[in-house]
């Protein structure tokens, strides 16, 4: 049986403000998948919430001194990410969750961010949209860059203008503010893609307040599906992924890592386009 390390636990630090974690159902499903995958092998998940990266590194050092975990899940890999090196120095085995490409020397559960971004663009192009914007997550995250690159390359290949890119932080405040800025442009987009459900729902509220009908004048697509998207009016089109299954895959890799076994290469489920009432044909020009 895989698992059964000295501490009997796998660690996960989420370096995000507590209100954001509670607002995004993604995390609940992700953590539930990890916990169930670990529980089947009598392993526990040690979950710690912190506000920033420095606090996350401090947690790793504390865990190492006290030998509280047998392996660590590194979430949201970033450009020039120092966490794998720090964990290596501490002697804590680690698994990277969600990287679009391999991280040298560190096993992980990889995620294809490019194909779903291309699919979302294709669907919008088929509806006639040419002025497209994207409200991203933090630019320093690898998955943000992978989605952006796929979207920009897709627009250029299709011969349409580059997408307008604005950076958010996954909060409803960012979603509302950035949507207002986009809709206030001289030539506002006819379609907006959001990097999470919370920003998309906030953007939908702003469009309603500004008198911009969805989808007649503006189509909207959220990344990550949730009850928020399904219960919105109109219901939000999403790039939906089986987040629970993703968590289970991360648990399987973490168990192998904790046991000192070779870690099988795994991929998280690929996000798929789920059309709902927030997307429609592009409005007439002029």
C-alpha atoms as a PDB file:
ATOM      1  CA  UNK A   1       0.000   0.000   0.000  1.00  0.00           C
ATOM      2  CA  UNK A   2       1.273   3.489  -0.890  1.00  0.00           C
ATOM      3  CA  UNK A   3       1.594   5.969   1.959  1.00  0.00           C
ATOM      4  CA  UNK A   4       2.193   5.436   5.661  1.00  0.00           C
ATOM      5  CA  UNK A   5       5.138   7.815   6.111  1.00  0.00           C
ATOM      6  CA  UNK A   6       6.618   8.879   9.440  1.00  0.00           C
ATOM      7  CA  UNK A   7       4.133  11.674  10.068  1.00  0.00           C
ATOM      8  CA  UNK A   8       1.194  10.219   8.187  1.00  0.00           C
ATOM      9  CA  UNK A   9       0.374  13.582   6.596  1.00  0.00           C
ATOM     10  CA  UNK A  10       0.752  15.557   3.377  1.00  0.00           C
ATOM     11  CA  UNK A  11       0.983  19.343   3.601  1.00  0.00           C
ATOM     12  CA  UNK A  12      -0.722  21.997   1.466  1.00  0.00           C
ATOM     13  CA  UNK A  13      -0.262  25.727   1.992  1.00  0.00           C
ATOM     14  CA  UNK A  14      -2.634  28.129   0.236  1.00  0.00           C
ATOM     15  CA  UNK A  15      -1.096  31.589   0.093  1.00  0.00           C
ATOM     16  CA  UNK A  16      -4.261  33.553  -0.535  1.00  0.00           C
ATOM     17  CA  UNK A  17      -6.408  35.827   1.624  1.00  0.00           C
ATOM     18  CA  UNK A  18      -8.975  33.833   3.561  1.00  0.00           C
ATOM     19  CA  UNK A  19     -12.009  35.569   1.967  1.00  0.00           C
ATOM     20  CA  UNK A  20     -10.817  34.524  -1.512  1.00  0.00           C
ATOM     21  CA  UNK A  21     -10.407  30.896  -0.476  1.00  0.00           C
ATOM     22  CA  UNK A  22     -13.883  30.768   1.057  1.00  0.00           C
ATOM     23  CA  UNK A  23     -15.442  32.477  -1.977  1.00  0.00           C
ATOM     24  CA  UNK A  24     -14.001  30.078  -4.568  1.00  0.00           C
ATOM     25  CA  UNK A  25     -15.714  26.697  -4.551  1.00  0.00           C
ATOM     26  CA  UNK A  26     -12.741  25.417  -6.557  1.00  0.00           C
ATOM     27  CA  UNK A  27     -10.701  25.080  -3.386  1.00  0.00           C
ATOM     28  CA  UNK A  28     -13.373  23.147  -1.506  1.00  0.00           C
ATOM     29  CA  UNK A  29     -13.638  20.572  -4.289  1.00  0.00           C
ATOM     30  CA  UNK A  30      -9.856  20.415  -4.773  1.00  0.00           C
ATOM     31  CA  UNK A  31      -9.167  19.869  -1.079  1.00  0.00           C
ATOM     32  CA  UNK A  32     -12.004  17.330  -0.832  1.00  0.00           C
ATOM     33  CA  UNK A  33     -10.431  15.306  -3.641  1.00  0.00           C
ATOM     34  CA  UNK A  34      -7.014  15.344  -1.975  1.00  0.00           C
ATOM     35  CA  UNK A  35      -8.435  14.401   1.410  1.00  0.00           C
ATOM     36  CA  UNK A  36     -10.403  11.458   0.057  1.00  0.00           C
ATOM     37  CA  UNK A  37      -7.435  10.196  -1.957  1.00  0.00           C
ATOM     38  CA  UNK A  38      -5.202  10.349   1.096  1.00  0.00           C
ATOM     39  CA  UNK A  39      -7.775   8.895   3.513  1.00  0.00           C
ATOM     40  CA  UNK A  40      -7.969   5.682   1.504  1.00  0.00           C
ATOM     41  CA  UNK A  41      -4.340   5.103   2.547  1.00  0.00           C
ATOM     42  CA  UNK A  42      -4.674   6.317   6.145  1.00  0.00           C
ATOM     43  CA  UNK A  43      -2.924   9.592   5.376  1.00  0.00           C
ATOM     44  CA  UNK A  44      -4.142  13.031   6.432  1.00  0.00           C
ATOM     45  CA  UNK A  45      -3.987  16.442   4.796  1.00  0.00           C
ATOM     46  CA  UNK A  46      -2.412  19.273   6.789  1.00  0.00           C
ATOM     47  CA  UNK A  47      -3.958  22.403   5.254  1.00  0.00           C
ATOM     48  CA  UNK A  48      -2.605  25.822   6.152  1.00  0.00           C
ATOM     49  CA  UNK A  49      -3.880  29.211   4.933  1.00  0.00           C
ATOM     50  CA  UNK A  50      -1.486  32.165   4.796  1.00  0.00           C
ATOM     51  CA  UNK A  51      -1.587  35.622   3.230  1.00  0.00           C
ATOM     52  CA  UNK A  52       1.637  35.689   1.240  1.00  0.00           C
ATOM     53  CA  UNK A  53       4.589  33.754  -0.124  1.00  0.00           C
ATOM     54  CA  UNK A  54       6.948  34.538   2.741  1.00  0.00           C
ATOM     55  CA  UNK A  55       4.473  33.092   5.230  1.00  0.00           C
ATOM     56  CA  UNK A  56       4.219  29.999   3.041  1.00  0.00           C
ATOM     57  CA  UNK A  57       7.998  29.469   3.155  1.00  0.00           C
ATOM     58  CA  UNK A  58       7.927  29.945   6.923  1.00  0.00           C
ATOM     59  CA  UNK A  59       5.299  27.214   7.178  1.00  0.00           C
ATOM     60  CA  UNK A  60       7.523  24.818   5.222  1.00  0.00           C
ATOM     61  CA  UNK A  61      10.462  25.511   7.507  1.00  0.00           C
ATOM     62  CA  UNK A  62       8.295  24.932  10.574  1.00  0.00           C
ATOM     63  CA  UNK A  63       6.921  21.681   9.154  1.00  0.00           C
ATOM     64  CA  UNK A  64      10.441  20.491   8.388  1.00  0.00           C
ATOM     65  CA  UNK A  65      11.750  21.237  11.895  1.00  0.00           C
ATOM     66  CA  UNK A  66       8.822  19.491  13.527  1.00  0.00           C
ATOM     67  CA  UNK A  67       8.611  16.686  10.957  1.00  0.00           C
ATOM     68  CA  UNK A  68       4.907  17.284  10.548  1.00  0.00           C
ATOM     69  CA  UNK A  69       4.528  16.125   6.935  1.00  0.00           C
ATOM     70  CA  UNK A  70       5.980  13.456   4.666  1.00  0.00           C
ATOM     71  CA  UNK A  71       5.424  15.426   1.453  1.00  0.00           C
ATOM     72  CA  UNK A  72       4.166  18.808   0.307  1.00  0.00           C
ATOM     73  CA  UNK A  73       1.805  19.813  -2.512  1.00  0.00           C
ATOM     74  CA  UNK A  74       2.956  23.031  -4.183  1.00  0.00           C
ATOM     75  CA  UNK A  75      -0.070  24.834  -5.611  1.00  0.00           C
ATOM     76  CA  UNK A  76      -0.176  27.543  -8.308  1.00  0.00           C
ATOM     77  CA  UNK A  77       3.435  27.302  -9.596  1.00  0.00           C
ATOM     78  CA  UNK A  78       4.826  30.691 -10.565  1.00  0.00           C
ATOM     79  CA  UNK A  79       7.528  32.181 -12.745  1.00  0.00           C
ATOM     80  CA  UNK A  80      10.891  32.001 -10.929  1.00  0.00           C
ATOM     81  CA  UNK A  81       9.169  30.030  -8.168  1.00  0.00           C
ATOM     82  CA  UNK A  82      11.520  29.611  -5.202  1.00  0.00           C
ATOM     83  CA  UNK A  83       9.400  27.055  -3.362  1.00  0.00           C
ATOM     84  CA  UNK A  84      10.787  23.874  -5.019  1.00  0.00           C
ATOM     85  CA  UNK A  85      14.364  24.900  -4.201  1.00  0.00           C
ATOM     86  CA  UNK A  86      13.509  25.776  -0.591  1.00  0.00           C
ATOM     87  CA  UNK A  87      11.683  22.478  -0.122  1.00  0.00           C
ATOM     88  CA  UNK A  88      14.667  20.647  -1.603  1.00  0.00           C
ATOM     89  CA  UNK A  89      17.007  22.339   0.880  1.00  0.00           C
ATOM     90  CA  UNK A  90      14.662  21.378   3.705  1.00  0.00           C
ATOM     91  CA  UNK A  91      14.528  17.771   2.541  1.00  0.00           C
ATOM     92  CA  UNK A  92      10.754  17.876   2.079  1.00  0.00           C
ATOM     93  CA  UNK A  93       9.555  15.837  -0.922  1.00  0.00           C
ATOM     94  CA  UNK A  94       7.224  17.897  -3.104  1.00  0.00           C
ATOM     95  CA  UNK A  95       4.648  17.514  -5.855  1.00  0.00           C
ATOM     96  CA  UNK A  96       3.773  20.431  -8.149  1.00  0.00           C
ATOM     97  CA  UNK A  97       0.066  20.820  -8.884  1.00  0.00           C
ATOM     98  CA  UNK A  98      -1.072  22.452 -12.108  1.00  0.00           C
ATOM     99  CA  UNK A  99       2.105  23.321 -14.000  1.00  0.00           C
ATOM    100  CA  UNK A 100       1.630  23.463 -17.795  1.00  0.00           C
ATOM    101  CA  UNK A 101       5.103  21.962 -18.322  1.00  0.00           C
ATOM    102  CA  UNK A 102       7.448  19.829 -16.189  1.00  0.00           C
ATOM    103  CA  UNK A 103       9.361  21.481 -13.349  1.00  0.00           C
ATOM    104  CA  UNK A 104      12.936  20.127 -13.501  1.00  0.00           C
ATOM    105  CA  UNK A 105      13.626  17.683 -10.711  1.00  0.00           C
ATOM    106  CA  UNK A 106      10.171  17.897  -9.136  1.00  0.00           C
ATOM    107  CA  UNK A 107       7.279  15.532  -9.960  1.00  0.00           C
ATOM    108  CA  UNK A 108       3.859  16.935 -10.532  1.00  0.00           C
ATOM    109  CA  UNK A 109       0.329  16.686 -11.823  1.00  0.00           C
ATOM    110  CA  UNK A 110       0.359  18.735 -15.006  1.00  0.00           C
ATOM    111  CA  UNK A 111      -2.526  20.730 -16.479  1.00  0.00           C
ATOM    112  CA  UNK A 112      -3.227  21.570 -20.116  1.00  0.00           C
ATOM    113  CA  UNK A 113      -4.209  25.234 -20.009  1.00  0.00           C
ATOM    114  CA  UNK A 114      -3.629  25.949 -23.699  1.00  0.00           C
ATOM    115  CA  UNK A 115      -6.187  23.613 -25.287  1.00  0.00           C
ATOM    116  CA  UNK A 116      -9.164  24.916 -23.248  1.00  0.00           C
ATOM    117  CA  UNK A 117      -8.152  28.536 -23.932  1.00  0.00           C
ATOM    118  CA  UNK A 118      -8.029  27.741 -27.638  1.00  0.00           C
ATOM    119  CA  UNK A 119     -11.411  26.022 -27.446  1.00  0.00           C
ATOM    120  CA  UNK A 120     -13.011  29.026 -25.731  1.00  0.00           C
ATOM    121  CA  UNK A 121     -11.589  31.310 -28.414  1.00  0.00           C
ATOM    122  CA  UNK A 122     -12.796  29.025 -31.211  1.00  0.00           C
ATOM    123  CA  UNK A 123     -16.343  29.045 -29.822  1.00  0.00           C
ATOM    124  CA  UNK A 124     -16.352  32.832 -29.579  1.00  0.00           C
ATOM    125  CA  UNK A 125     -14.960  33.216 -33.101  1.00  0.00           C
ATOM    126  CA  UNK A 126     -17.683  30.895 -34.398  1.00  0.00           C
ATOM    127  CA  UNK A 127     -20.215  33.283 -32.832  1.00  0.00           C
ATOM    128  CA  UNK A 128     -18.649  36.156 -34.752  1.00  0.00           C
ATOM    129  CA  UNK A 129     -16.715  37.829 -31.947  1.00  0.00           C
ATOM    130  CA  UNK A 130     -13.585  39.729 -32.941  1.00  0.00           C
ATOM    131  CA  UNK A 131     -13.130  42.174 -30.037  1.00  0.00           C
ATOM    132  CA  UNK A 132     -12.215  39.887 -27.174  1.00  0.00           C
ATOM    133  CA  UNK A 133     -10.892  40.695 -23.689  1.00  0.00           C
ATOM    134  CA  UNK A 134      -9.608  38.566 -20.854  1.00  0.00           C
ATOM    135  CA  UNK A 135      -9.622  39.288 -17.132  1.00  0.00           C
ATOM    136  CA  UNK A 136      -6.659  37.243 -15.968  1.00  0.00           C
ATOM    137  CA  UNK A 137      -5.370  36.000 -12.678  1.00  0.00           C
ATOM    138  CA  UNK A 138      -1.947  37.204 -11.444  1.00  0.00           C
ATOM    139  CA  UNK A 139       0.454  37.409 -14.394  1.00  0.00           C
ATOM    140  CA  UNK A 140       3.260  35.716 -12.472  1.00  0.00           C
ATOM    141  CA  UNK A 141       1.432  32.367 -12.341  1.00  0.00           C
ATOM    142  CA  UNK A 142       2.455  29.816 -14.956  1.00  0.00           C
ATOM    143  CA  UNK A 143      -1.115  28.882 -15.799  1.00  0.00           C
ATOM    144  CA  UNK A 144      -2.027  32.540 -16.366  1.00  0.00           C
ATOM    145  CA  UNK A 145       0.808  32.877 -18.859  1.00  0.00           C
ATOM    146  CA  UNK A 146      -0.052  29.614 -20.596  1.00  0.00           C
ATOM    147  CA  UNK A 147      -3.671  30.669 -21.124  1.00  0.00           C
ATOM    148  CA  UNK A 148      -2.650  34.134 -22.273  1.00  0.00           C
ATOM    149  CA  UNK A 149      -0.133  32.781 -24.757  1.00  0.00           C
ATOM    150  CA  UNK A 150      -2.680  30.367 -26.214  1.00  0.00           C
ATOM    151  CA  UNK A 151      -5.291  33.106 -26.549  1.00  0.00           C
ATOM    152  CA  UNK A 152      -2.907  35.611 -28.163  1.00  0.00           C
ATOM    153  CA  UNK A 153      -1.547  33.031 -30.594  1.00  0.00           C
ATOM    154  CA  UNK A 154      -5.079  31.906 -31.463  1.00  0.00           C
ATOM    155  CA  UNK A 155      -6.209  35.461 -32.219  1.00  0.00           C
ATOM    156  CA  UNK A 156      -3.200  36.109 -34.425  1.00  0.00           C
ATOM    157  CA  UNK A 157      -3.704  32.863 -36.281  1.00  0.00           C
ATOM    158  CA  UNK A 158      -7.375  33.744 -36.856  1.00  0.00           C
ATOM    159  CA  UNK A 159      -6.460  37.224 -38.107  1.00  0.00           C
ATOM    160  CA  UNK A 160      -8.380  39.084 -35.397  1.00  0.00           C
ATOM    161  CA  UNK A 161      -7.057  41.817 -33.059  1.00  0.00           C
ATOM    162  CA  UNK A 162      -4.963  40.759 -30.085  1.00  0.00           C
ATOM    163  CA  UNK A 163      -7.128  40.285 -26.992  1.00  0.00           C
ATOM    164  CA  UNK A 164      -7.246  43.076 -24.434  1.00  0.00           C
ATOM    165  CA  UNK A 165      -5.634  41.714 -21.262  1.00  0.00           C
ATOM    166  CA  UNK A 166      -6.271  43.110 -17.784  1.00  0.00           C
ATOM    167  CA  UNK A 167      -4.828  41.560 -14.627  1.00  0.00           C
ATOM    168  CA  UNK A 168      -7.005  40.631 -11.676  1.00  0.00           C
ATOM    169  CA  UNK A 169      -6.501  38.767  -8.417  1.00  0.00           C
ATOM    170  CA  UNK A 170      -9.511  36.404  -8.534  1.00  0.00           C
ATOM    171  CA  UNK A 171     -11.585  38.625  -6.237  1.00  0.00           C
ATOM    172  CA  UNK A 172     -15.072  39.943  -6.917  1.00  0.00           C
ATOM    173  CA  UNK A 173     -13.712  43.469  -6.451  1.00  0.00           C
ATOM    174  CA  UNK A 174     -11.209  42.969  -9.258  1.00  0.00           C
ATOM    175  CA  UNK A 175     -13.832  41.389 -11.499  1.00  0.00           C
ATOM    176  CA  UNK A 176     -16.180  44.335 -11.018  1.00  0.00           C
ATOM    177  CA  UNK A 177     -13.560  47.058 -11.416  1.00  0.00           C
ATOM    178  CA  UNK A 178     -11.906  45.565 -14.496  1.00  0.00           C
ATOM    179  CA  UNK A 179     -15.199  44.819 -16.209  1.00  0.00           C
ATOM    180  CA  UNK A 180     -16.231  48.425 -15.694  1.00  0.00           C
ATOM    181  CA  UNK A 181     -12.953  49.594 -17.226  1.00  0.00           C
ATOM    182  CA  UNK A 182     -13.337  47.300 -20.231  1.00  0.00           C
ATOM    183  CA  UNK A 183     -16.931  48.348 -20.891  1.00  0.00           C
ATOM    184  CA  UNK A 184     -15.928  52.007 -20.567  1.00  0.00           C
ATOM    185  CA  UNK A 185     -13.453  51.802 -23.443  1.00  0.00           C
ATOM    186  CA  UNK A 186     -14.152  53.667 -26.687  1.00  0.00           C
ATOM    187  CA  UNK A 187     -14.377  50.282 -28.406  1.00  0.00           C
ATOM    188  CA  UNK A 188     -15.509  47.872 -25.677  1.00  0.00           C
ATOM    189  CA  UNK A 189     -15.088  44.132 -26.182  1.00  0.00           C
ATOM    190  CA  UNK A 190     -18.020  42.033 -27.338  1.00  0.00           C
ATOM    191  CA  UNK A 191     -16.744  39.055 -25.331  1.00  0.00           C
ATOM    192  CA  UNK A 192     -14.856  38.740 -22.039  1.00  0.00           C
ATOM    193  CA  UNK A 193     -13.165  35.639 -20.637  1.00  0.00           C
ATOM    194  CA  UNK A 194     -12.541  35.500 -16.893  1.00  0.00           C
ATOM    195  CA  UNK A 195      -9.946  33.395 -15.110  1.00  0.00           C
ATOM    196  CA  UNK A 196     -12.368  32.322 -12.388  1.00  0.00           C
ATOM    197  CA  UNK A 197     -16.032  32.195 -11.535  1.00  0.00           C
ATOM    198  CA  UNK A 198     -15.977  34.857  -8.813  1.00  0.00           C
ATOM    199  CA  UNK A 199     -14.647  37.576 -11.131  1.00  0.00           C
ATOM    200  CA  UNK A 200     -17.093  36.547 -13.858  1.00  0.00           C
ATOM    201  CA  UNK A 201     -20.159  36.773 -11.604  1.00  0.00           C
ATOM    202  CA  UNK A 202     -19.025  40.204 -10.398  1.00  0.00           C
ATOM    203  CA  UNK A 203     -18.504  41.261 -14.011  1.00  0.00           C
ATOM    204  CA  UNK A 204     -22.006  40.129 -14.887  1.00  0.00           C
ATOM    205  CA  UNK A 205     -23.422  42.351 -12.141  1.00  0.00           C
ATOM    206  CA  UNK A 206     -21.474  45.337 -13.489  1.00  0.00           C
ATOM    207  CA  UNK A 207     -22.700  44.747 -17.046  1.00  0.00           C
ATOM    208  CA  UNK A 208     -26.263  44.718 -15.712  1.00  0.00           C
ATOM    209  CA  UNK A 209     -25.705  47.939 -13.760  1.00  0.00           C
ATOM    210  CA  UNK A 210     -24.280  49.643 -16.861  1.00  0.00           C
ATOM    211  CA  UNK A 211     -27.212  48.552 -19.005  1.00  0.00           C
ATOM    212  CA  UNK A 212     -25.115  46.242 -21.184  1.00  0.00           C
ATOM    213  CA  UNK A 213     -27.315  43.252 -22.032  1.00  0.00           C
ATOM    214  CA  UNK A 214     -25.769  39.793 -21.836  1.00  0.00           C
ATOM    215  CA  UNK A 215     -25.455  38.079 -24.274  1.00  0.00           C
ATOM    216  CA  UNK A 216     -27.037  40.484 -26.786  1.00  0.00           C
ATOM    217  CA  UNK A 217     -24.187  43.025 -26.519  1.00  0.00           C
ATOM    218  CA  UNK A 218     -21.639  41.151 -24.441  1.00  0.00           C
ATOM    219  CA  UNK A 219     -20.763  37.472 -24.153  1.00  0.00           C
ATOM    220  CA  UNK A 220     -19.072  36.222 -20.993  1.00  0.00           C
ATOM    221  CA  UNK A 221     -17.129  33.029 -20.217  1.00  0.00           C
ATOM    222  CA  UNK A 222     -15.870  31.981 -16.765  1.00  0.00           C
ATOM    223  CA  UNK A 223     -13.007  29.599 -16.076  1.00  0.00           C
ATOM    224  CA  UNK A 224     -14.085  27.014 -13.477  1.00  0.00           C
ATOM    225  CA  UNK A 225     -17.698  26.016 -13.130  1.00  0.00           C
ATOM    226  CA  UNK A 226     -19.657  26.372  -9.902  1.00  0.00           C
ATOM    227  CA  UNK A 227     -23.122  26.891  -8.498  1.00  0.00           C
ATOM    228  CA  UNK A 228     -22.408  30.626  -8.757  1.00  0.00           C
ATOM    229  CA  UNK A 229     -22.221  30.277 -12.532  1.00  0.00           C
ATOM    230  CA  UNK A 230     -25.239  28.018 -12.872  1.00  0.00           C
ATOM    231  CA  UNK A 231     -27.461  30.188 -10.666  1.00  0.00           C
ATOM    232  CA  UNK A 232     -26.445  33.529 -12.194  1.00  0.00           C
ATOM    233  CA  UNK A 233     -28.898  35.382 -14.430  1.00  0.00           C
ATOM    234  CA  UNK A 234     -28.179  34.681 -17.201  1.00  0.00           C
ATOM    235  CA  UNK A 235     -26.386  31.441 -16.369  1.00  0.00           C
ATOM    236  CA  UNK A 236     -22.682  31.745 -17.166  1.00  0.00           C
ATOM    237  CA  UNK A 237     -20.927  29.791 -19.883  1.00  0.00           C
ATOM    238  CA  UNK A 238     -17.845  28.161 -18.379  1.00  0.00           C
ATOM    239  CA  UNK A 239     -14.673  26.249 -18.970  1.00  0.00           C
ATOM    240  CA  UNK A 240     -15.550  23.411 -16.606  1.00  0.00           C
ATOM    241  CA  UNK A 241     -13.080  20.988 -15.041  1.00  0.00           C
ATOM    242  CA  UNK A 242     -13.541  18.050 -12.706  1.00  0.00           C
ATOM    243  CA  UNK A 243     -11.760  19.699  -9.774  1.00  0.00           C
ATOM    244  CA  UNK A 244     -12.504  16.835  -7.401  1.00  0.00           C
ATOM    245  CA  UNK A 245     -10.817  14.350  -9.761  1.00  0.00           C
ATOM    246  CA  UNK A 246      -7.894  16.757 -10.035  1.00  0.00           C
ATOM    247  CA  UNK A 247      -7.509  16.658  -6.245  1.00  0.00           C
ATOM    248  CA  UNK A 248      -7.604  12.852  -6.225  1.00  0.00           C
ATOM    249  CA  UNK A 249      -4.813  12.753  -8.838  1.00  0.00           C
ATOM    250  CA  UNK A 250      -2.719  15.118  -6.739  1.00  0.00           C
ATOM    251  CA  UNK A 251      -3.255  12.854  -3.719  1.00  0.00           C
ATOM    252  CA  UNK A 252      -2.104   9.809  -5.707  1.00  0.00           C
ATOM    253  CA  UNK A 253       1.112  11.573  -6.694  1.00  0.00           C
ATOM    254  CA  UNK A 254       1.670  12.890  -3.170  1.00  0.00           C
ATOM    255  CA  UNK A 255       1.297   9.383  -1.727  1.00  0.00           C
ATOM    256  CA  UNK A 256       3.957   8.030  -4.074  1.00  0.00           C
ATOM    257  CA  UNK A 257       6.203  10.975  -3.236  1.00  0.00           C
ATOM    258  CA  UNK A 258       5.755  10.498   0.524  1.00  0.00           C
ATOM    259  CA  UNK A 259       6.598   6.801   0.228  1.00  0.00           C
ATOM    260  CA  UNK A 260       9.792   7.531  -1.700  1.00  0.00           C
ATOM    261  CA  UNK A 261       8.478   5.797  -4.822  1.00  0.00           C
ATOM    262  CA  UNK A 262       8.824   6.980  -8.436  1.00  0.00           C
ATOM    263  CA  UNK A 263       5.954   9.383  -9.075  1.00  0.00           C
ATOM    264  CA  UNK A 264       3.770   8.501 -12.048  1.00  0.00           C
ATOM    265  CA  UNK A 265       3.263  11.303 -14.569  1.00  0.00           C
ATOM    266  CA  UNK A 266      -0.329  12.444 -14.250  1.00  0.00           C
ATOM    267  CA  UNK A 267      -2.511  15.099 -15.870  1.00  0.00           C
ATOM    268  CA  UNK A 268      -5.451  16.869 -14.315  1.00  0.00           C
ATOM    269  CA  UNK A 269      -8.765  16.656 -16.215  1.00  0.00           C
ATOM    270  CA  UNK A 270      -8.852  19.105 -19.116  1.00  0.00           C
ATOM    271  CA  UNK A 271     -11.350  21.963 -18.857  1.00  0.00           C
ATOM    272  CA  UNK A 272     -14.234  21.742 -21.347  1.00  0.00           C
ATOM    273  CA  UNK A 273     -16.507  24.390 -22.777  1.00  0.00           C
ATOM    274  CA  UNK A 274     -20.006  24.334 -21.255  1.00  0.00           C
ATOM    275  CA  UNK A 275     -22.291  26.740 -23.153  1.00  0.00           C
ATOM    276  CA  UNK A 276     -25.022  28.529 -21.229  1.00  0.00           C
ATOM    277  CA  UNK A 277     -27.035  31.719 -21.642  1.00  0.00           C
ATOM    278  CA  UNK A 278     -24.182  34.222 -21.234  1.00  0.00           C
ATOM    279  CA  UNK A 279     -22.764  33.623 -24.721  1.00  0.00           C
ATOM    280  CA  UNK A 280     -24.394  34.467 -28.021  1.00  0.00           C
ATOM    281  CA  UNK A 281     -23.684  35.887 -31.483  1.00  0.00           C
ATOM    282  CA  UNK A 282     -21.557  39.024 -31.654  1.00  0.00           C
ATOM    283  CA  UNK A 283     -23.650  42.206 -31.945  1.00  0.00           C
ATOM    284  CA  UNK A 284     -23.896  43.888 -35.366  1.00  0.00           C
ATOM    285  CA  UNK A 285     -21.066  46.311 -36.193  1.00  0.00           C
ATOM    286  CA  UNK A 286     -22.068  49.965 -36.102  1.00  0.00           C
END
